[in-house]
Amino acid sequence: MVKVKGEQSSLALKEVLIAAYGQPDKTMEMMTKTFEWNGDDCILRLSYGLGDGDATADFESKSVNEKIKSITEQKAKAGAAEGAKGL
């Protein structure tokens, strides 16, 4: 994760990311303005506040998210099976 303060730094970070990864695949604007780049395994998001201009860029791995989801589901099933033994 990368954080920068102020609108000027945020715009500079956005330009660096565009230079490195091309134009974002998706842009959203709600409470924050968010730009998203989608790779084969990673998602890169740049978000900055519309009021203060501070920005955060972070990466997310699709494969790691799937592993976490799988482990969580396995633990939930194991917990349910253990709880059912007492019935």
PDB file of N, CA and C in Angstrom:
ATOM      1  N   MET A   1       0.848  -1.165   0.000  1.00  0.00           N
ATOM      2  CA  MET A   1       0.000   0.000   0.000  1.00  0.00           C
ATOM      3  C   MET A   1       0.898   1.233   0.000  1.00  0.00           C
ATOM      4  N   VAL A   2       0.489   2.228  -0.765  1.00  0.00           N
ATOM      5  CA  VAL A   2       1.206   3.494  -0.819  1.00  0.00           C
ATOM      6  C   VAL A   2       0.212   4.597  -0.488  1.00  0.00           C
ATOM      7  N   LYS A   3       0.599   5.508   0.400  1.00  0.00           N
ATOM      8  CA  LYS A   3      -0.249   6.648   0.735  1.00  0.00           C
ATOM      9  C   LYS A   3       0.515   7.929   0.458  1.00  0.00           C
ATOM     10  N   VAL A   4      -0.179   8.902  -0.118  1.00  0.00           N
ATOM     11  CA  VAL A   4       0.406  10.220  -0.331  1.00  0.00           C
ATOM     12  C   VAL A   4      -0.571  11.275   0.172  1.00  0.00           C
ATOM     13  N   LYS A   5      -0.026  12.423   0.541  1.00  0.00           N
ATOM     14  CA  LYS A   5      -0.834  13.528   1.074  1.00  0.00           C
ATOM     15  C   LYS A   5      -0.958  14.633   0.038  1.00  0.00           C
ATOM     16  N   GLY A   6      -2.159  15.165  -0.105  1.00  0.00           N
ATOM     17  CA  GLY A   6      -2.394  16.330  -0.936  1.00  0.00           C
ATOM     18  C   GLY A   6      -2.704  16.009  -2.388  1.00  0.00           C
ATOM     19  N   GLU A   7      -3.455  16.914  -3.000  1.00  0.00           N
ATOM     20  CA  GLU A   7      -3.912  16.694  -4.365  1.00  0.00           C
ATOM     21  C   GLU A   7      -2.770  16.632  -5.372  1.00  0.00           C
ATOM     22  N   GLN A   8      -1.758  17.463  -5.205  1.00  0.00           N
ATOM     23  CA  GLN A   8      -0.645  17.476  -6.158  1.00  0.00           C
ATOM     24  C   GLN A   8       0.096  16.135  -6.148  1.00  0.00           C
ATOM     25  N   SER A   9       0.352  15.593  -4.969  1.00  0.00           N
ATOM     26  CA  SER A   9       1.014  14.291  -4.864  1.00  0.00           C
ATOM     27  C   SER A   9       0.128  13.171  -5.400  1.00  0.00           C
ATOM     28  N   SER A  10      -1.178  13.280  -5.154  1.00  0.00           N
ATOM     29  CA  SER A  10      -2.124  12.275  -5.636  1.00  0.00           C
ATOM     30  C   SER A  10      -2.160  12.232  -7.161  1.00  0.00           C
ATOM     31  N   LEU A  11      -2.194  13.399  -7.776  1.00  0.00           N
ATOM     32  CA  LEU A  11      -2.207  13.460  -9.241  1.00  0.00           C
ATOM     33  C   LEU A  11      -0.899  12.937  -9.818  1.00  0.00           C
ATOM     34  N   ALA A  12       0.220  13.220  -9.139  1.00  0.00           N
ATOM     35  CA  ALA A  12       1.515  12.706  -9.593  1.00  0.00           C
ATOM     36  C   ALA A  12       1.547  11.181  -9.509  1.00  0.00           C
ATOM     37  N   LEU A  13       1.011  10.613  -8.430  1.00  0.00           N
ATOM     38  CA  LEU A  13       0.951   9.161  -8.284  1.00  0.00           C
ATOM     39  C   LEU A  13       0.079   8.560  -9.386  1.00  0.00           C
ATOM     40  N   LYS A  14      -1.046   9.184  -9.664  1.00  0.00           N
ATOM     41  CA  LYS A  14      -1.922   8.708 -10.737  1.00  0.00           C
ATOM     42  C   LYS A  14      -1.175   8.689 -12.067  1.00  0.00           C
ATOM     43  N   GLU A  15      -0.445   9.737 -12.378  1.00  0.00           N
ATOM     44  CA  GLU A  15       0.297   9.807 -13.644  1.00  0.00           C
ATOM     45  C   GLU A  15       1.379   8.732 -13.714  1.00  0.00           C
ATOM     46  N   VAL A  16       2.041   8.461 -12.601  1.00  0.00           N
ATOM     47  CA  VAL A  16       3.062   7.405 -12.559  1.00  0.00           C
ATOM     48  C   VAL A  16       2.422   6.047 -12.830  1.00  0.00           C
ATOM     49  N   LEU A  17       1.264   5.785 -12.225  1.00  0.00           N
ATOM     50  CA  LEU A  17       0.583   4.508 -12.430  1.00  0.00           C
ATOM     51  C   LEU A  17       0.096   4.365 -13.873  1.00  0.00           C
ATOM     52  N   ILE A  18      -0.400   5.442 -14.458  1.00  0.00           N
ATOM     53  CA  ILE A  18      -0.818   5.398 -15.860  1.00  0.00           C
ATOM     54  C   ILE A  18       0.373   5.139 -16.763  1.00  0.00           C
ATOM     55  N   ALA A  19       1.504   5.771 -16.460  1.00  0.00           N
ATOM     56  CA  ALA A  19       2.711   5.549 -17.262  1.00  0.00           C
ATOM     57  C   ALA A  19       3.166   4.092 -17.167  1.00  0.00           C
ATOM     58  N   ALA A  20       3.023   3.491 -15.991  1.00  0.00           N
ATOM     59  CA  ALA A  20       3.492   2.111 -15.779  1.00  0.00           C
ATOM     60  C   ALA A  20       2.488   1.073 -16.283  1.00  0.00           C
ATOM     61  N   TYR A  21       1.182   1.317 -16.096  1.00  0.00           N
ATOM     62  CA  TYR A  21       0.172   0.287 -16.353  1.00  0.00           C
ATOM     63  C   TYR A  21      -0.858   0.658 -17.425  1.00  0.00           C
ATOM     64  N   GLY A  22      -0.751   1.844 -18.002  1.00  0.00           N
ATOM     65  CA  GLY A  22      -1.718   2.276 -19.001  1.00  0.00           C
ATOM     66  C   GLY A  22      -2.935   2.897 -18.349  1.00  0.00           C
ATOM     67  N   GLN A  23      -3.917   3.222 -19.157  1.00  0.00           N
ATOM     68  CA  GLN A  23      -5.150   3.821 -18.640  1.00  0.00           C
ATOM     69  C   GLN A  23      -5.891   2.815 -17.762  1.00  0.00           C
ATOM     70  N   PRO A  24      -6.548   3.288 -16.703  1.00  0.00           N
ATOM     71  CA  PRO A  24      -7.282   2.369 -15.834  1.00  0.00           C
ATOM     72  C   PRO A  24      -8.412   1.670 -16.582  1.00  0.00           C
ATOM     73  N   ASP A  25      -8.722   0.450 -16.145  1.00  0.00           N
ATOM     74  CA  ASP A  25      -9.813  -0.320 -16.728  1.00  0.00           C
ATOM     75  C   ASP A  25     -11.172   0.185 -16.253  1.00  0.00           C
ATOM     76  N   LYS A  26     -11.194   0.797 -15.078  1.00  0.00           N
ATOM     77  CA  LYS A  26     -12.459   1.229 -14.499  1.00  0.00           C
ATOM     78  C   LYS A  26     -12.214   2.475 -13.653  1.00  0.00           C
ATOM     79  N   THR A  27     -13.157   3.416 -13.682  1.00  0.00           N
ATOM     80  CA  THR A  27     -13.108   4.617 -12.852  1.00  0.00           C
ATOM     81  C   THR A  27     -14.447   4.753 -12.155  1.00  0.00           C
ATOM     82  N   MET A  28     -14.399   5.006 -10.845  1.00  0.00           N
ATOM     83  CA  MET A  28     -15.618   5.171 -10.056  1.00  0.00           C
ATOM     84  C   MET A  28     -15.503   6.451  -9.240  1.00  0.00           C
ATOM     85  N   GLU A  29     -16.629   7.102  -9.006  1.00  0.00           N
ATOM     86  CA  GLU A  29     -16.617   8.307  -8.194  1.00  0.00           C
ATOM     87  C   GLU A  29     -17.819   8.300  -7.275  1.00  0.00           C
ATOM     88  N   MET A  30     -17.536   8.170  -5.977  1.00  0.00           N
ATOM     89  CA  MET A  30     -18.592   8.236  -4.968  1.00  0.00           C
ATOM     90  C   MET A  30     -18.062   9.142  -3.856  1.00  0.00           C
ATOM     91  N   MET A  31     -17.738   8.577  -2.710  1.00  0.00           N
ATOM     92  CA  MET A  31     -17.113   9.351  -1.634  1.00  0.00           C
ATOM     93  C   MET A  31     -15.652   9.634  -1.976  1.00  0.00           C
ATOM     94  N   THR A  32     -15.084   8.760  -2.768  1.00  0.00           N
ATOM     95  CA  THR A  32     -13.715   8.916  -3.252  1.00  0.00           C
ATOM     96  C   THR A  32     -13.720   8.719  -4.760  1.00  0.00           C
ATOM     97  N   LYS A  33     -12.667   9.167  -5.390  1.00  0.00           N
ATOM     98  CA  LYS A  33     -12.491   8.885  -6.813  1.00  0.00           C
ATOM     99  C   LYS A  33     -11.549   7.684  -6.870  1.00  0.00           C
ATOM    100  N   THR A  34     -11.941   6.642  -7.575  1.00  0.00           N
ATOM    101  CA  THR A  34     -11.166   5.406  -7.608  1.00  0.00           C
ATOM    102  C   THR A  34     -10.887   4.999  -9.045  1.00  0.00           C
ATOM    103  N   PHE A  35      -9.628   4.645  -9.286  1.00  0.00           N
ATOM    104  CA  PHE A  35      -9.187   4.128 -10.575  1.00  0.00           C
ATOM    105  C   PHE A  35      -8.743   2.699 -10.347  1.00  0.00           C
ATOM    106  N   GLU A  36      -9.093   1.795 -11.252  1.00  0.00           N
ATOM    107  CA  GLU A  36      -8.786   0.382 -11.057  1.00  0.00           C
ATOM    108  C   GLU A  36      -8.157  -0.194 -12.316  1.00  0.00           C
ATOM    109  N   TRP A  37      -7.044  -0.914 -12.125  1.00  0.00           N
ATOM    110  CA  TRP A  37      -6.380  -1.645 -13.188  1.00  0.00           C
ATOM    111  C   TRP A  37      -6.511  -3.129 -12.864  1.00  0.00           C
ATOM    112  N   ASN A  38      -6.929  -3.935 -13.833  1.00  0.00           N
ATOM    113  CA  ASN A  38      -7.128  -5.366 -13.612  1.00  0.00           C
ATOM    114  C   ASN A  38      -6.114  -6.164 -14.416  1.00  0.00           C
ATOM    115  N   GLY A  39      -5.269  -6.911 -13.714  1.00  0.00           N
ATOM    116  CA  GLY A  39      -4.320  -7.804 -14.353  1.00  0.00           C
ATOM    117  C   GLY A  39      -4.824  -9.229 -14.293  1.00  0.00           C
ATOM    118  N   ASP A  40      -4.000 -10.159 -14.734  1.00  0.00           N
ATOM    119  CA  ASP A  40      -4.386 -11.573 -14.702  1.00  0.00           C
ATOM    120  C   ASP A  40      -4.640 -12.047 -13.275  1.00  0.00           C
ATOM    121  N   ASP A  41      -3.782 -11.645 -12.327  1.00  0.00           N
ATOM    122  CA  ASP A  41      -3.953 -12.067 -10.941  1.00  0.00           C
ATOM    123  C   ASP A  41      -4.153 -10.893  -9.995  1.00  0.00           C
ATOM    124  N   CYS A  42      -3.656  -9.737 -10.340  1.00  0.00           N
ATOM    125  CA  CYS A  42      -3.700  -8.601  -9.417  1.00  0.00           C
ATOM    126  C   CYS A  42      -4.671  -7.520  -9.858  1.00  0.00           C
ATOM    127  N   ILE A  43      -5.195  -6.848  -8.867  1.00  0.00           N
ATOM    128  CA  ILE A  43      -6.009  -5.654  -9.074  1.00  0.00           C
ATOM    129  C   ILE A  43      -5.273  -4.521  -8.368  1.00  0.00           C
ATOM    130  N   LEU A  44      -5.074  -3.426  -9.060  1.00  0.00           N
ATOM    131  CA  LEU A  44      -4.456  -2.235  -8.482  1.00  0.00           C
ATOM    132  C   LEU A  44      -5.532  -1.168  -8.402  1.00  0.00           C
ATOM    133  N   ARG A  45      -5.691  -0.573  -7.219  1.00  0.00           N
ATOM    134  CA  ARG A  45      -6.660   0.501  -7.045  1.00  0.00           C
ATOM    135  C   ARG A  45      -5.956   1.748  -6.534  1.00  0.00           C
ATOM    136  N   LEU A  46      -6.314   2.870  -7.116  1.00  0.00           N
ATOM    137  CA  LEU A  46      -5.880   4.174  -6.625  1.00  0.00           C
ATOM    138  C   LEU A  46      -7.131   4.923  -6.232  1.00  0.00           C
ATOM    139  N   SER A  47      -7.213   5.323  -4.973  1.00  0.00           N
ATOM    140  CA  SER A  47      -8.373   6.061  -4.478  1.00  0.00           C
ATOM    141  C   SER A  47      -7.906   7.331  -3.814  1.00  0.00           C
ATOM    142  N   TYR A  48      -8.618   8.419  -4.094  1.00  0.00           N
ATOM    143  CA  TYR A  48      -8.317   9.632  -3.333  1.00  0.00           C
ATOM    144  C   TYR A  48      -9.580  10.388  -2.986  1.00  0.00           C
ATOM    145  N   GLY A  49      -9.493  11.012  -1.810  1.00  0.00           N
ATOM    146  CA  GLY A  49     -10.630  11.750  -1.295  1.00  0.00           C
ATOM    147  C   GLY A  49     -10.923  12.974  -2.139  1.00  0.00           C
ATOM    148  N   LEU A  50     -12.199  13.218  -2.383  1.00  0.00           N
ATOM    149  CA  LEU A  50     -12.581  14.363  -3.188  1.00  0.00           C
ATOM    150  C   LEU A  50     -12.415  15.664  -2.405  1.00  0.00           C
ATOM    151  N   GLY A  51     -12.354  15.581  -1.087  1.00  0.00           N
ATOM    152  CA  GLY A  51     -12.202  16.786  -0.270  1.00  0.00           C
ATOM    153  C   GLY A  51     -10.758  17.133   0.031  1.00  0.00           C
ATOM    154  N   ASP A  52     -10.018  16.181   0.593  1.00  0.00           N
ATOM    155  CA  ASP A  52      -8.648  16.468   1.024  1.00  0.00           C
ATOM    156  C   ASP A  52      -7.598  16.173  -0.039  1.00  0.00           C
ATOM    157  N   GLY A  53      -7.922  15.333  -1.000  1.00  0.00           N
ATOM    158  CA  GLY A  53      -6.976  15.023  -2.073  1.00  0.00           C
ATOM    159  C   GLY A  53      -5.937  13.978  -1.718  1.00  0.00           C
ATOM    160  N   ASP A  54      -5.921  13.455  -0.477  1.00  0.00           N
ATOM    161  CA  ASP A  54      -4.977  12.396  -0.109  1.00  0.00           C
ATOM    162  C   ASP A  54      -5.322  11.127  -0.880  1.00  0.00           C
ATOM    163  N   ALA A  55      -4.308  10.337  -1.214  1.00  0.00           N
ATOM    164  CA  ALA A  55      -4.546   9.147  -2.038  1.00  0.00           C
ATOM    165  C   ALA A  55      -3.911   7.906  -1.427  1.00  0.00           C
ATOM    166  N   THR A  56      -4.502   6.761  -1.774  1.00  0.00           N
ATOM    167  CA  THR A  56      -3.977   5.457  -1.390  1.00  0.00           C
ATOM    168  C   THR A  56      -4.005   4.556  -2.615  1.00  0.00           C
ATOM    169  N   ALA A  57      -2.891   3.891  -2.874  1.00  0.00           N
ATOM    170  CA  ALA A  57      -2.817   2.889  -3.938  1.00  0.00           C
ATOM    171  C   ALA A  57      -2.561   1.544  -3.262  1.00  0.00           C
ATOM    172  N   ASP A  58      -3.309   0.521  -3.653  1.00  0.00           N
ATOM    173  CA  ASP A  58      -3.087  -0.803  -3.072  1.00  0.00           C
ATOM    174  C   ASP A  58      -3.314  -1.888  -4.123  1.00  0.00           C
ATOM    175  N   PHE A  59      -2.606  -2.996  -3.926  1.00  0.00           N
ATOM    176  CA  PHE A  59      -2.718  -4.164  -4.793  1.00  0.00           C
ATOM    177  C   PHE A  59      -3.515  -5.233  -4.081  1.00  0.00           C
ATOM    178  N   GLU A  60      -4.238  -6.025  -4.852  1.00  0.00           N
ATOM    179  CA  GLU A  60      -5.005  -7.155  -4.329  1.00  0.00           C
ATOM    180  C   GLU A  60      -4.751  -8.341  -5.251  1.00  0.00           C
ATOM    181  N   SER A  61      -4.527  -9.504  -4.677  1.00  0.00           N
ATOM    182  CA  SER A  61      -4.288 -10.705  -5.465  1.00  0.00           C
ATOM    183  C   SER A  61      -5.554 -11.551  -5.537  1.00  0.00           C
ATOM    184  N   LYS A  62      -6.021 -11.836  -6.740  1.00  0.00           N
ATOM    185  CA  LYS A  62      -7.216 -12.651  -6.923  1.00  0.00           C
ATOM    186  C   LYS A  62      -6.991 -14.067  -6.401  1.00  0.00           C
ATOM    187  N   SER A  63      -5.817 -14.644  -6.658  1.00  0.00           N
ATOM    188  CA  SER A  63      -5.553 -16.016  -6.228  1.00  0.00           C
ATOM    189  C   SER A  63      -5.462 -16.118  -4.703  1.00  0.00           C
ATOM    190  N   VAL A  64      -4.872 -15.125  -4.066  1.00  0.00           N
ATOM    191  CA  VAL A  64      -4.800 -15.133  -2.601  1.00  0.00           C
ATOM    192  C   VAL A  64      -6.203 -14.973  -2.016  1.00  0.00           C
ATOM    193  N   ASN A  65      -7.022 -14.101  -2.607  1.00  0.00           N
ATOM    194  CA  ASN A  65      -8.400 -13.937  -2.136  1.00  0.00           C
ATOM    195  C   ASN A  65      -9.179 -15.243  -2.230  1.00  0.00           C
ATOM    196  N   GLU A  66      -8.985 -15.998  -3.324  1.00  0.00           N
ATOM    197  CA  GLU A  66      -9.663 -17.291  -3.485  1.00  0.00           C
ATOM    198  C   GLU A  66      -9.203 -18.286  -2.421  1.00  0.00           C
ATOM    199  N   LYS A  67      -7.907 -18.309  -2.110  1.00  0.00           N
ATOM    200  CA  LYS A  67      -7.393 -19.215  -1.068  1.00  0.00           C
ATOM    201  C   LYS A  67      -7.981 -18.853   0.287  1.00  0.00           C
ATOM    202  N   ILE A  68      -8.053 -17.568   0.597  1.00  0.00           N
ATOM    203  CA  ILE A  68      -8.629 -17.129   1.871  1.00  0.00           C
ATOM    204  C   ILE A  68     -10.102 -17.535   1.947  1.00  0.00           C
ATOM    205  N   LYS A  69     -10.836 -17.342   0.859  1.00  0.00           N
ATOM    206  CA  LYS A  69     -12.249 -17.714   0.818  1.00  0.00           C
ATOM    207  C   LYS A  69     -12.415 -19.216   1.040  1.00  0.00           C
ATOM    208  N   SER A  70     -11.582 -20.021   0.390  1.00  0.00           N
ATOM    209  CA  SER A  70     -11.650 -21.469   0.519  1.00  0.00           C
ATOM    210  C   SER A  70     -11.369 -21.917   1.958  1.00  0.00           C
ATOM    211  N   ILE A  71     -10.339 -21.362   2.558  1.00  0.00           N
ATOM    212  CA  ILE A  71      -9.984 -21.720   3.937  1.00  0.00           C
ATOM    213  C   ILE A  71     -11.102 -21.311   4.890  1.00  0.00           C
ATOM    214  N   THR A  72     -11.673 -20.138   4.693  1.00  0.00           N
ATOM    215  CA  THR A  72     -12.759 -19.656   5.539  1.00  0.00           C
ATOM    216  C   THR A  72     -13.969 -20.579   5.435  1.00  0.00           C
ATOM    217  N   GLU A  73     -14.305 -20.991   4.208  1.00  0.00           N
ATOM    218  CA  GLU A  73     -15.442 -21.902   4.017  1.00  0.00           C
ATOM    219  C   GLU A  73     -15.171 -23.252   4.663  1.00  0.00           C
ATOM    220  N   GLN A  74     -13.947 -23.769   4.536  1.00  0.00           N
ATOM    221  CA  GLN A  74     -13.600 -25.053   5.150  1.00  0.00           C
ATOM    222  C   GLN A  74     -13.729 -24.975   6.665  1.00  0.00           C
ATOM    223  N   LYS A  75     -13.260 -23.881   7.252  1.00  0.00           N
ATOM    224  CA  LYS A  75     -13.345 -23.721   8.707  1.00  0.00           C
ATOM    225  C   LYS A  75     -14.795 -23.590   9.161  1.00  0.00           C
ATOM    226  N   ALA A  76     -15.613 -22.898   8.373  1.00  0.00           N
ATOM    227  CA  ALA A  76     -17.035 -22.746   8.721  1.00  0.00           C
ATOM    228  C   ALA A  76     -17.727 -24.110   8.680  1.00  0.00           C
ATOM    229  N   LYS A  77     -17.436 -24.928   7.648  1.00  0.00           N
ATOM    230  CA  LYS A  77     -18.030 -26.270   7.542  1.00  0.00           C
ATOM    231  C   LYS A  77     -17.578 -27.153   8.694  1.00  0.00           C
ATOM    232  N   ALA A  78     -16.293 -27.075   9.031  1.00  0.00           N
ATOM    233  CA  ALA A  78     -15.765 -27.890  10.137  1.00  0.00           C
ATOM    234  C   ALA A  78     -16.426 -27.469  11.444  1.00  0.00           C
ATOM    235  N   GLY A  79     -16.613 -26.164  11.650  1.00  0.00           N
ATOM    236  CA  GLY A  79     -17.268 -25.688  12.859  1.00  0.00           C
ATOM    237  C   GLY A  79     -18.708 -26.118  12.937  1.00  0.00           C
ATOM    238  N   ALA A  80     -19.401 -26.095  11.797  1.00  0.00           N
ATOM    239  CA  ALA A  80     -20.806 -26.536  11.758  1.00  0.00           C
ATOM    240  C   ALA A  80     -20.901 -28.023  12.031  1.00  0.00           C
ATOM    241  N   ALA A  81     -19.997 -28.811  11.492  1.00  0.00           N
ATOM    242  CA  ALA A  81     -20.009 -30.261  11.710  1.00  0.00           C
ATOM    243  C   ALA A  81     -19.726 -30.552  13.189  1.00  0.00           C
ATOM    244  N   GLU A  82     -18.808 -29.821  13.782  1.00  0.00           N
ATOM    245  CA  GLU A  82     -18.473 -30.030  15.197  1.00  0.00           C
ATOM    246  C   GLU A  82     -19.685 -29.655  16.065  1.00  0.00           C
ATOM    247  N   GLY A  83     -20.353 -28.561  15.712  1.00  0.00           N
ATOM    248  CA  GLY A  83     -21.540 -28.138  16.460  1.00  0.00           C
ATOM    249  C   GLY A  83     -22.687 -29.113  16.321  1.00  0.00           C
ATOM    250  N   ALA A  84     -22.818 -29.753  15.166  1.00  0.00           N
ATOM    251  CA  ALA A  84     -23.905 -30.702  14.925  1.00  0.00           C
ATOM    252  C   ALA A  84     -23.712 -31.981  15.727  1.00  0.00           C
ATOM    253  N   LYS A  85     -22.477 -32.297  16.111  1.00  0.00           N
ATOM    254  CA  LYS A  85     -22.223 -33.513  16.881  1.00  0.00           C
ATOM    255  C   LYS A  85     -22.940 -33.478  18.227  1.00  0.00           C
ATOM    256  N   GLY A  86     -23.110 -32.276  18.749  1.00  0.00           N
ATOM    257  CA  GLY A  86     -23.748 -32.144  20.068  1.00  0.00           C
ATOM    258  C   GLY A  86     -25.270 -32.221  20.022  1.00  0.00           C
ATOM    259  N   LEU A  87     -25.839 -32.324  18.843  1.00  0.00           N
ATOM    260  CA  LEU A  87     -27.316 -32.365  18.744  1.00  0.00           C
ATOM    261  C   LEU A  87     -27.880 -33.725  18.971  1.00  0.00           C
TER     262      LEU A  87
END
